[in-house]
Amino acid sequence: MGLEMRAFVKGEELHYAGVRYVLNFGWFRLGLPEWLILGHTTIVERALSPNAFAMDFRLTHPCFGQVFRYSGTFVTERVDVQGRSTCGCS
């Protein structure tokens, strides 16, 4: 099962909004409305610095309300093929 999302920019934030869930059966794709499965998904990402961002992910069902959420601050790091940091940050 997958999730089809629509991305858009709002102010300084990158937003993703769930469109539908999809089931793939070989070449056949079946679209399922969000309300029928787990609920509506939203993701908001905001840059904090060149290598850090904040993210908020929510899953809200029309009958049960918010059923899942995670949020946090994430730092990205570039590594070479041997797994060594190339940004000088560790």
N, C-alpha and C. Protein backbone atom coordinates (compact mmCIF):
# COMPACT_ATOMS: atom_id res chain seq x y z
N MET A 1 0.86 -1.17 0.00
CA MET A 1 0.00 0.00 0.00
C MET A 1 0.90 1.23 0.00
N GLY A 2 0.51 2.22 -0.76
CA GLY A 2 1.24 3.48 -0.82
C GLY A 2 0.32 4.65 -0.54
N LEU A 3 0.91 5.81 -0.52
CA LEU A 3 0.16 7.02 -0.25
C LEU A 3 0.50 8.05 -1.31
N GLU A 4 -0.50 8.54 -1.99
CA GLU A 4 -0.32 9.61 -2.98
C GLU A 4 -0.51 10.93 -2.25
N MET A 5 0.47 11.84 -2.41
CA MET A 5 0.41 13.12 -1.71
C MET A 5 0.60 14.27 -2.68
N ARG A 6 0.07 15.42 -2.31
CA ARG A 6 0.22 16.65 -3.09
C ARG A 6 1.15 17.56 -2.30
N ALA A 7 2.20 18.05 -2.96
CA ALA A 7 3.17 18.93 -2.30
C ALA A 7 2.94 20.37 -2.74
N PHE A 8 3.12 21.30 -1.79
CA PHE A 8 3.01 22.72 -2.11
C PHE A 8 3.78 23.53 -1.07
N VAL A 9 4.17 24.73 -1.45
CA VAL A 9 4.90 25.63 -0.56
C VAL A 9 3.93 26.66 -0.03
N LYS A 10 4.00 26.91 1.29
CA LYS A 10 3.16 27.91 1.94
C LYS A 10 4.07 28.73 2.84
N GLY A 11 4.34 29.95 2.43
CA GLY A 11 5.28 30.78 3.16
C GLY A 11 6.67 30.19 3.07
N GLU A 12 7.27 29.91 4.21
CA GLU A 12 8.61 29.32 4.28
C GLU A 12 8.57 27.81 4.53
N GLU A 13 7.39 27.19 4.40
CA GLU A 13 7.23 25.79 4.73
C GLU A 13 6.86 24.95 3.50
N LEU A 14 7.30 23.70 3.53
CA LEU A 14 6.94 22.73 2.51
C LEU A 14 5.84 21.85 3.10
N HIS A 15 4.70 21.80 2.43
CA HIS A 15 3.54 21.04 2.91
C HIS A 15 3.27 19.86 1.98
N TYR A 16 2.83 18.76 2.57
CA TYR A 16 2.36 17.60 1.83
C TYR A 16 0.97 17.27 2.37
N ALA A 17 0.03 17.04 1.48
CA ALA A 17 -1.32 16.66 1.88
C ALA A 17 -1.70 15.36 1.18
N GLY A 18 -2.21 14.43 1.96
CA GLY A 18 -2.62 13.15 1.40
C GLY A 18 -3.76 13.31 0.41
N VAL A 19 -3.67 12.58 -0.70
CA VAL A 19 -4.72 12.60 -1.72
C VAL A 19 -5.53 11.31 -1.65
N ARG A 20 -4.82 10.18 -1.62
CA ARG A 20 -5.47 8.87 -1.53
C ARG A 20 -4.42 7.81 -1.23
N TYR A 21 -4.88 6.66 -0.77
CA TYR A 21 -4.02 5.49 -0.63
C TYR A 21 -4.10 4.72 -1.94
N VAL A 22 -3.06 3.98 -2.27
CA VAL A 22 -3.06 3.20 -3.50
C VAL A 22 -2.57 1.78 -3.21
N LEU A 23 -3.20 0.84 -3.86
CA LEU A 23 -2.77 -0.55 -3.85
C LEU A 23 -2.35 -0.91 -5.26
N ASN A 24 -1.15 -1.46 -5.40
CA ASN A 24 -0.65 -1.86 -6.71
C ASN A 24 -0.69 -3.38 -6.83
N PHE A 25 -1.31 -3.83 -7.89
CA PHE A 25 -1.38 -5.26 -8.21
C PHE A 25 -0.77 -5.43 -9.59
N GLY A 26 0.56 -5.53 -9.65
CA GLY A 26 1.22 -5.59 -10.95
C GLY A 26 1.01 -4.29 -11.69
N TRP A 27 0.40 -4.33 -12.83
CA TRP A 27 0.16 -3.13 -13.64
C TRP A 27 -1.10 -2.39 -13.21
N PHE A 28 -1.92 -3.02 -12.38
CA PHE A 28 -3.18 -2.42 -11.96
C PHE A 28 -3.01 -1.64 -10.66
N ARG A 29 -3.48 -0.41 -10.63
CA ARG A 29 -3.41 0.43 -9.43
C ARG A 29 -4.83 0.78 -8.99
N LEU A 30 -5.11 0.51 -7.71
CA LEU A 30 -6.42 0.79 -7.14
C LEU A 30 -6.29 1.93 -6.15
N GLY A 31 -7.01 3.03 -6.41
CA GLY A 31 -7.01 4.16 -5.50
C GLY A 31 -8.11 4.03 -4.46
N LEU A 32 -7.75 4.30 -3.19
CA LEU A 32 -8.72 4.20 -2.10
C LEU A 32 -8.78 5.53 -1.36
N PRO A 33 -9.98 6.00 -1.07
CA PRO A 33 -10.09 7.28 -0.36
C PRO A 33 -9.49 7.19 1.04
N GLU A 34 -8.92 8.30 1.48
CA GLU A 34 -8.26 8.32 2.78
C GLU A 34 -9.20 7.96 3.93
N TRP A 35 -10.44 8.47 3.89
CA TRP A 35 -11.37 8.23 4.99
C TRP A 35 -11.70 6.75 5.16
N LEU A 36 -11.54 5.98 4.07
CA LEU A 36 -11.87 4.56 4.11
C LEU A 36 -10.80 3.74 4.82
N ILE A 37 -9.58 4.23 4.83
CA ILE A 37 -8.47 3.45 5.39
C ILE A 37 -8.05 4.04 6.74
N LEU A 38 -7.01 4.81 6.76
CA LEU A 38 -6.43 5.30 8.01
C LEU A 38 -6.78 6.74 8.33
N GLY A 39 -7.13 7.53 7.33
CA GLY A 39 -7.43 8.94 7.56
C GLY A 39 -6.55 9.84 6.70
N HIS A 40 -6.70 11.13 6.91
CA HIS A 40 -6.00 12.15 6.13
C HIS A 40 -4.60 12.39 6.69
N THR A 41 -3.62 12.45 5.81
CA THR A 41 -2.24 12.68 6.23
C THR A 41 -1.80 14.09 5.86
N THR A 42 -1.03 14.70 6.75
CA THR A 42 -0.40 15.99 6.47
C THR A 42 1.03 15.96 6.99
N ILE A 43 1.91 16.58 6.24
CA ILE A 43 3.30 16.74 6.65
C ILE A 43 3.68 18.19 6.41
N VAL A 44 4.33 18.81 7.38
CA VAL A 44 4.84 20.17 7.24
C VAL A 44 6.33 20.14 7.59
N GLU A 45 7.15 20.65 6.66
CA GLU A 45 8.59 20.73 6.89
C GLU A 45 9.02 22.18 6.85
N ARG A 46 9.92 22.56 7.78
CA ARG A 46 10.42 23.93 7.85
C ARG A 46 11.92 23.90 8.05
N ALA A 47 12.65 24.62 7.21
CA ALA A 47 14.10 24.68 7.33
C ALA A 47 14.48 25.46 8.58
N LEU A 48 15.46 24.94 9.31
CA LEU A 48 15.98 25.62 10.49
C LEU A 48 17.37 26.19 10.23
N SER A 49 18.10 25.53 9.35
CA SER A 49 19.44 25.94 8.95
C SER A 49 19.76 25.21 7.65
N PRO A 50 20.93 25.42 7.06
CA PRO A 50 21.25 24.69 5.82
C PRO A 50 21.27 23.17 5.98
N ASN A 51 21.47 22.66 7.20
CA ASN A 51 21.50 21.21 7.37
C ASN A 51 20.55 20.70 8.46
N ALA A 52 19.51 21.47 8.78
CA ALA A 52 18.53 21.02 9.77
C ALA A 52 17.13 21.47 9.39
N PHE A 53 16.15 20.64 9.75
CA PHE A 53 14.75 21.00 9.49
C PHE A 53 13.85 20.43 10.57
N ALA A 54 12.70 21.04 10.72
CA ALA A 54 11.67 20.55 11.63
C ALA A 54 10.57 19.94 10.79
N MET A 55 9.99 18.84 11.28
CA MET A 55 8.93 18.17 10.55
C MET A 55 7.80 17.80 11.51
N ASP A 56 6.57 17.91 11.03
CA ASP A 56 5.39 17.51 11.78
C ASP A 56 4.52 16.65 10.87
N PHE A 57 4.29 15.40 11.26
CA PHE A 57 3.50 14.45 10.49
C PHE A 57 2.25 14.12 11.30
N ARG A 58 1.08 14.23 10.68
CA ARG A 58 -0.18 13.91 11.38
C ARG A 58 -1.07 13.02 10.52
N LEU A 59 -1.73 12.12 11.18
CA LEU A 59 -2.71 11.23 10.55
C LEU A 59 -4.01 11.40 11.32
N THR A 60 -5.03 11.94 10.63
CA THR A 60 -6.30 12.27 11.29
C THR A 60 -7.45 11.53 10.61
N HIS A 61 -8.15 10.73 11.39
CA HIS A 61 -9.29 9.97 10.87
C HIS A 61 -10.56 10.80 11.08
N PRO A 62 -11.51 10.77 10.12
CA PRO A 62 -12.71 11.59 10.27
C PRO A 62 -13.59 11.21 11.46
N CYS A 63 -13.55 9.96 11.89
CA CYS A 63 -14.38 9.53 13.03
C CYS A 63 -13.60 9.52 14.35
N PHE A 64 -12.32 9.16 14.29
CA PHE A 64 -11.54 8.94 15.50
C PHE A 64 -10.60 10.09 15.84
N GLY A 65 -10.55 11.11 14.99
CA GLY A 65 -9.66 12.23 15.23
C GLY A 65 -8.21 11.88 14.94
N GLN A 66 -7.30 12.59 15.59
CA GLN A 66 -5.87 12.35 15.35
C GLN A 66 -5.49 10.99 15.92
N VAL A 67 -5.05 10.09 15.03
CA VAL A 67 -4.70 8.73 15.46
C VAL A 67 -3.20 8.51 15.52
N PHE A 68 -2.42 9.38 14.88
CA PHE A 68 -0.97 9.24 14.89
C PHE A 68 -0.33 10.59 14.63
N ARG A 69 0.79 10.83 15.32
CA ARG A 69 1.55 12.05 15.06
C ARG A 69 3.00 11.83 15.47
N TYR A 70 3.90 12.33 14.65
CA TYR A 70 5.28 12.45 15.11
C TYR A 70 5.84 13.75 14.58
N SER A 71 6.72 14.31 15.37
CA SER A 71 7.35 15.56 14.97
C SER A 71 8.73 15.60 15.60
N GLY A 72 9.58 16.41 15.01
CA GLY A 72 10.91 16.52 15.57
C GLY A 72 11.79 17.41 14.72
N THR A 73 13.00 17.54 15.19
CA THR A 73 14.02 18.30 14.49
C THR A 73 15.06 17.31 13.98
N PHE A 74 15.43 17.47 12.73
CA PHE A 74 16.34 16.53 12.09
C PHE A 74 17.54 17.27 11.51
N VAL A 75 18.71 16.64 11.61
CA VAL A 75 19.94 17.21 11.07
C VAL A 75 20.44 16.27 9.99
N THR A 76 20.77 16.84 8.85
CA THR A 76 21.31 16.03 7.76
C THR A 76 22.83 16.10 7.79
N GLU A 77 23.45 15.06 7.27
CA GLU A 77 24.90 14.99 7.25
C GLU A 77 25.32 14.27 5.98
N ARG A 78 26.30 14.79 5.30
CA ARG A 78 26.82 14.15 4.10
C ARG A 78 27.92 13.19 4.50
N VAL A 79 27.86 11.96 3.97
CA VAL A 79 28.89 10.96 4.25
C VAL A 79 29.43 10.42 2.94
N ASP A 80 30.69 9.97 2.97
CA ASP A 80 31.26 9.37 1.77
C ASP A 80 30.89 7.89 1.73
N VAL A 81 31.35 7.18 0.74
CA VAL A 81 30.95 5.78 0.56
C VAL A 81 31.46 4.88 1.67
N GLN A 82 32.45 5.31 2.44
CA GLN A 82 32.93 4.53 3.58
C GLN A 82 32.17 4.88 4.86
N GLY A 83 31.21 5.81 4.77
CA GLY A 83 30.41 6.17 5.92
C GLY A 83 31.03 7.26 6.77
N ARG A 84 32.07 7.93 6.28
CA ARG A 84 32.70 9.02 7.03
C ARG A 84 32.04 10.33 6.69
N SER A 85 31.87 11.18 7.71
CA SER A 85 31.29 12.50 7.53
C SER A 85 32.18 13.36 6.64
N THR A 86 31.55 14.08 5.72
CA THR A 86 32.32 14.97 4.85
C THR A 86 32.00 16.44 5.15
N CYS A 87 31.16 16.67 6.16
CA CYS A 87 30.78 18.06 6.46
C CYS A 87 31.60 18.64 7.60
N GLY A 88 32.44 17.83 8.25
CA GLY A 88 33.23 18.32 9.36
C GLY A 88 32.43 18.56 10.62
N CYS A 89 31.22 17.97 10.69
CA CYS A 89 30.36 18.22 11.85
C CYS A 89 30.38 17.08 12.86
N SER A 90 31.16 16.04 12.63
CA SER A 90 31.26 14.98 13.66
C SER A 90 32.65 14.37 13.65
